[in-house]
Amino acid sequence: MYKKTLSKFLILFTLFFVFFACATASDKRCKSIDYFKAKGGYVFRDGKSLDISGIDNIENKDLECLLSFPQLEVLSLNERITDEGLKYVENLKNLRALHLDNTRITNEGLRYIQNLDKLRVLYLSDTKITDNGLRSEEHTSELQSPYV
């Protein structure tokens, strides 16, 4: 009986340790802009500008790390990013320029950036965004330069 109890305890302890270690590791990966640097991204202006446009190994799920960098003012995304990835961009309230060139963003994804009040420059060439989608967004009148 003692061995069974000890065995169950060890199994539970191991499961807890593995879960805690994984949760901690995923939290730590986003605590530094170095996460994007390690994947090949370029960081400029003391972490206020991030260019991951030419990086193939960054996907929508990686953009969750952007939540740790509310100071970002300029962001360039890559061709693998879809509307789903933009949900992490909507919290970047200091964003002034957003480069979505060659991404898979559609009209639907524009809803995630409609409340970025400081956004002045938006690059949309080679996306699936239409003129109707651009016109339907209320905030786009604030843009100084929507490049389509």
C-alpha atoms as a PDB file:
ATOM      1  CA  MET A   1       0.000   0.000   0.000  1.00  0.00           C
ATOM      2  CA  TYR A   2       2.855   2.348   0.827  1.00  0.00           C
ATOM      3  CA  LYS A   3       4.409   1.733  -2.607  1.00  0.00           C
ATOM      4  CA  LYS A   4       1.120   2.491  -4.414  1.00  0.00           C
ATOM      5  CA  THR A   5       0.670   5.752  -2.518  1.00  0.00           C
ATOM      6  CA  LEU A   6       4.245   6.753  -3.157  1.00  0.00           C
ATOM      7  CA  SER A   7       3.895   5.839  -6.830  1.00  0.00           C
ATOM      8  CA  LYS A   8       0.735   7.957  -7.198  1.00  0.00           C
ATOM      9  CA  PHE A   9       2.429  10.838  -5.412  1.00  0.00           C
ATOM     10  CA  LEU A  10       5.443  10.655  -7.720  1.00  0.00           C
ATOM     11  CA  ILE A  11       3.230  10.583 -10.797  1.00  0.00           C
ATOM     12  CA  LEU A  12       1.267  13.627  -9.614  1.00  0.00           C
ATOM     13  CA  PHE A  13       4.455  15.443  -8.652  1.00  0.00           C
ATOM     14  CA  THR A  14       5.985  14.714 -12.061  1.00  0.00           C
ATOM     15  CA  LEU A  15       2.877  15.908 -13.898  1.00  0.00           C
ATOM     16  CA  PHE A  16       2.798  19.093 -11.836  1.00  0.00           C
ATOM     17  CA  PHE A  17       6.504  19.733 -12.416  1.00  0.00           C
ATOM     18  CA  VAL A  18       6.220  19.185 -16.178  1.00  0.00           C
ATOM     19  CA  PHE A  19       3.160  21.448 -16.405  1.00  0.00           C
ATOM     20  CA  PHE A  20       4.779  24.179 -14.295  1.00  0.00           C
ATOM     21  CA  ALA A  21       8.055  23.992 -16.213  1.00  0.00           C
ATOM     22  CA  CYS A  22       6.274  24.270 -19.570  1.00  0.00           C
ATOM     23  CA  ALA A  23       4.098  27.165 -18.433  1.00  0.00           C
ATOM     24  CA  THR A  24       7.104  29.008 -17.062  1.00  0.00           C
ATOM     25  CA  ALA A  25       9.138  28.414 -20.213  1.00  0.00           C
ATOM     26  CA  SER A  26       6.407  29.771 -22.488  1.00  0.00           C
ATOM     27  CA  ASP A  27       5.978  32.837 -20.268  1.00  0.00           C
ATOM     28  CA  LYS A  28       9.717  33.547 -20.284  1.00  0.00           C
ATOM     29  CA  ARG A  29      10.058  33.246 -24.049  1.00  0.00           C
ATOM     30  CA  CYS A  30       8.046  36.432 -24.523  1.00  0.00           C
ATOM     31  CA  LYS A  31       9.624  38.549 -21.809  1.00  0.00           C
ATOM     32  CA  SER A  32      12.336  39.891 -24.072  1.00  0.00           C
ATOM     33  CA  ILE A  33      12.411  41.310 -27.566  1.00  0.00           C
ATOM     34  CA  ASP A  34      15.274  38.869 -28.024  1.00  0.00           C
ATOM     35  CA  TYR A  35      12.608  36.249 -28.787  1.00  0.00           C
ATOM     36  CA  PHE A  36      12.095  37.886 -32.178  1.00  0.00           C
ATOM     37  CA  LYS A  37      15.797  38.616 -32.633  1.00  0.00           C
ATOM     38  CA  ALA A  38      16.577  34.926 -32.133  1.00  0.00           C
ATOM     39  CA  LYS A  39      14.154  34.070 -34.926  1.00  0.00           C
ATOM     40  CA  GLY A  40      15.876  36.545 -37.255  1.00  0.00           C
ATOM     41  CA  GLY A  41      13.825  39.693 -36.673  1.00  0.00           C
ATOM     42  CA  TYR A  42      15.265  43.190 -36.642  1.00  0.00           C
ATOM     43  CA  VAL A  43      14.750  45.504 -33.690  1.00  0.00           C
ATOM     44  CA  PHE A  44      15.384  49.231 -33.995  1.00  0.00           C
ATOM     45  CA  ARG A  45      15.053  52.406 -31.948  1.00  0.00           C
ATOM     46  CA  ASP A  46      15.443  50.879 -28.494  1.00  0.00           C
ATOM     47  CA  GLY A  47      12.756  48.285 -29.065  1.00  0.00           C
ATOM     48  CA  LYS A  48      10.165  50.647 -30.545  1.00  0.00           C
ATOM     49  CA  SER A  49      10.409  49.188 -34.040  1.00  0.00           C
ATOM     50  CA  LEU A  50      10.224  45.519 -35.000  1.00  0.00           C
ATOM     51  CA  ASP A  51      10.620  44.073 -38.493  1.00  0.00           C
ATOM     52  CA  ILE A  52       9.772  40.404 -38.947  1.00  0.00           C
ATOM     53  CA  SER A  53       8.675  40.762 -42.565  1.00  0.00           C
ATOM     54  CA  GLY A  54      11.375  38.519 -44.009  1.00  0.00           C
ATOM     55  CA  ILE A  55      11.223  35.814 -41.347  1.00  0.00           C
ATOM     56  CA  ASP A  56       9.554  32.560 -42.393  1.00  0.00           C
ATOM     57  CA  ASN A  57       9.495  30.907 -38.978  1.00  0.00           C
ATOM     58  CA  ILE A  58       7.132  33.391 -37.298  1.00  0.00           C
ATOM     59  CA  GLU A  59       3.437  32.559 -37.384  1.00  0.00           C
ATOM     60  CA  ASN A  60       0.218  33.911 -35.859  1.00  0.00           C
ATOM     61  CA  LYS A  61       0.788  32.217 -32.497  1.00  0.00           C
ATOM     62  CA  ASP A  62       4.196  33.905 -32.143  1.00  0.00           C
ATOM     63  CA  LEU A  63       2.543  37.315 -32.252  1.00  0.00           C
ATOM     64  CA  GLU A  64       1.168  36.691 -28.771  1.00  0.00           C
ATOM     65  CA  CYS A  65       4.636  37.785 -27.621  1.00  0.00           C
ATOM     66  CA  LEU A  66       3.847  41.270 -28.906  1.00  0.00           C
ATOM     67  CA  LEU A  67       1.663  41.739 -25.822  1.00  0.00           C
ATOM     68  CA  SER A  68       4.877  42.106 -23.818  1.00  0.00           C
ATOM     69  CA  PHE A  69       5.965  45.089 -25.941  1.00  0.00           C
ATOM     70  CA  PRO A  70       3.302  47.802 -25.734  1.00  0.00           C
ATOM     71  CA  GLN A  71       5.984  50.409 -26.565  1.00  0.00           C
ATOM     72  CA  LEU A  72       6.141  49.297 -30.226  1.00  0.00           C
ATOM     73  CA  GLU A  73       5.554  52.157 -32.648  1.00  0.00           C
ATOM     74  CA  VAL A  74       6.488  50.498 -35.950  1.00  0.00           C
ATOM     75  CA  LEU A  75       5.723  46.886 -36.850  1.00  0.00           C
ATOM     76  CA  SER A  76       6.358  44.974 -40.068  1.00  0.00           C
ATOM     77  CA  LEU A  77       4.780  41.516 -40.355  1.00  0.00           C
ATOM     78  CA  ASN A  78       5.522  38.586 -42.653  1.00  0.00           C
ATOM     79  CA  GLU A  79       3.559  36.725 -45.319  1.00  0.00           C
ATOM     80  CA  ARG A  80       2.422  33.944 -42.961  1.00  0.00           C
ATOM     81  CA  ILE A  81       0.350  36.286 -40.804  1.00  0.00           C
ATOM     82  CA  THR A  82      -3.433  36.152 -41.178  1.00  0.00           C
ATOM     83  CA  ASP A  83      -6.380  37.924 -39.557  1.00  0.00           C
ATOM     84  CA  GLU A  84      -5.948  35.662 -36.537  1.00  0.00           C
ATOM     85  CA  GLY A  85      -2.527  37.141 -35.819  1.00  0.00           C
ATOM     86  CA  LEU A  86      -3.818  40.713 -35.865  1.00  0.00           C
ATOM     87  CA  LYS A  87      -5.760  40.120 -32.648  1.00  0.00           C
ATOM     88  CA  TYR A  88      -2.434  40.556 -30.831  1.00  0.00           C
ATOM     89  CA  VAL A  89      -1.685  43.776 -32.682  1.00  0.00           C
ATOM     90  CA  GLU A  90      -4.864  45.487 -31.483  1.00  0.00           C
ATOM     91  CA  ASN A  91      -3.312  45.982 -28.023  1.00  0.00           C
ATOM     92  CA  LEU A  92      -0.324  47.924 -29.344  1.00  0.00           C
ATOM     93  CA  LYS A  93      -1.796  51.348 -28.594  1.00  0.00           C
ATOM     94  CA  ASN A  94       1.447  53.224 -29.434  1.00  0.00           C
ATOM     95  CA  LEU A  95       1.633  51.802 -32.957  1.00  0.00           C
ATOM     96  CA  ARG A  96       2.169  54.576 -35.529  1.00  0.00           C
ATOM     97  CA  ALA A  97       3.077  52.521 -38.603  1.00  0.00           C
ATOM     98  CA  LEU A  98       1.968  49.013 -39.532  1.00  0.00           C
ATOM     99  CA  HIS A  99       3.377  47.156 -42.522  1.00  0.00           C
ATOM    100  CA  LEU A 100       1.030  44.376 -43.610  1.00  0.00           C
ATOM    101  CA  ASP A 101       2.473  44.074 -47.128  1.00  0.00           C
ATOM    102  CA  ASN A 102       2.342  40.556 -48.549  1.00  0.00           C
ATOM    103  CA  THR A 103       0.418  39.171 -45.568  1.00  0.00           C
ATOM    104  CA  ARG A 104      -2.771  37.097 -45.737  1.00  0.00           C
ATOM    105  CA  ILE A 105      -4.832  39.806 -44.044  1.00  0.00           C
ATOM    106  CA  THR A 106      -8.406  40.266 -45.301  1.00  0.00           C
ATOM    107  CA  ASN A 107     -11.114  42.890 -44.752  1.00  0.00           C
ATOM    108  CA  GLU A 108     -12.180  40.945 -41.655  1.00  0.00           C
ATOM    109  CA  GLY A 109      -8.784  41.472 -40.012  1.00  0.00           C
ATOM    110  CA  LEU A 110      -9.063  45.260 -40.190  1.00  0.00           C
ATOM    111  CA  ARG A 111     -11.400  45.201 -37.192  1.00  0.00           C
ATOM    112  CA  TYR A 112      -8.412  44.408 -34.980  1.00  0.00           C
ATOM    113  CA  ILE A 113      -6.647  47.644 -35.864  1.00  0.00           C
ATOM    114  CA  GLN A 114      -9.601  50.018 -35.997  1.00  0.00           C
ATOM    115  CA  ASN A 115      -8.993  51.342 -32.468  1.00  0.00           C
ATOM    116  CA  LEU A 116      -5.293  52.084 -32.865  1.00  0.00           C
ATOM    117  CA  ASP A 117      -5.664  55.847 -32.493  1.00  0.00           C
ATOM    118  CA  LYS A 118      -1.987  56.658 -33.065  1.00  0.00           C
ATOM    119  CA  LEU A 119      -1.777  54.634 -36.287  1.00  0.00           C
ATOM    120  CA  ARG A 120      -0.938  57.012 -39.143  1.00  0.00           C
ATOM    121  CA  VAL A 121       0.754  54.826 -41.766  1.00  0.00           C
ATOM    122  CA  LEU A 122      -0.672  51.520 -42.987  1.00  0.00           C
ATOM    123  CA  TYR A 123       0.908  49.467 -45.764  1.00  0.00           C
ATOM    124  CA  LEU A 124      -1.479  47.024 -47.418  1.00  0.00           C
ATOM    125  CA  SER A 125       0.021  46.147 -50.800  1.00  0.00           C
ATOM    126  CA  ASP A 126      -0.409  42.553 -51.930  1.00  0.00           C
ATOM    127  CA  THR A 127      -3.015  41.710 -49.292  1.00  0.00           C
ATOM    128  CA  LYS A 128      -6.590  40.501 -49.678  1.00  0.00           C
ATOM    129  CA  ILE A 129      -7.995  43.812 -48.447  1.00  0.00           C
ATOM    130  CA  THR A 130     -10.370  45.504 -50.859  1.00  0.00           C
ATOM    131  CA  ASP A 131     -11.331  49.152 -51.279  1.00  0.00           C
ATOM    132  CA  ASN A 132     -14.688  48.349 -49.670  1.00  0.00           C
ATOM    133  CA  GLY A 133     -12.961  46.892 -46.629  1.00  0.00           C
ATOM    134  CA  LEU A 134     -10.794  49.954 -46.261  1.00  0.00           C
ATOM    135  CA  ARG A 135     -13.754  52.313 -46.602  1.00  0.00           C
ATOM    136  CA  SER A 136     -15.777  50.415 -43.999  1.00  0.00           C
ATOM    137  CA  GLU A 137     -13.250  51.015 -41.220  1.00  0.00           C
ATOM    138  CA  GLU A 138     -14.058  54.116 -39.195  1.00  0.00           C
ATOM    139  CA  HIS A 139     -10.516  54.930 -38.110  1.00  0.00           C
ATOM    140  CA  THR A 140      -8.994  54.935 -41.557  1.00  0.00           C
ATOM    141  CA  SER A 141      -9.881  58.593 -41.972  1.00  0.00           C
ATOM    142  CA  GLU A 142      -7.166  59.312 -39.363  1.00  0.00           C
ATOM    143  CA  LEU A 143      -4.532  57.611 -41.462  1.00  0.00           C
ATOM    144  CA  GLN A 144      -2.136  59.957 -43.181  1.00  0.00           C
ATOM    145  CA  SER A 145      -0.956  57.275 -45.575  1.00  0.00           C
ATOM    146  CA  PRO A 146      -2.879  54.078 -46.301  1.00  0.00           C
ATOM    147  CA  TYR A 147      -0.698  52.466 -48.966  1.00  0.00           C
ATOM    148  CA  VAL A 148      -2.623  49.869 -50.906  1.00  0.00           C
END
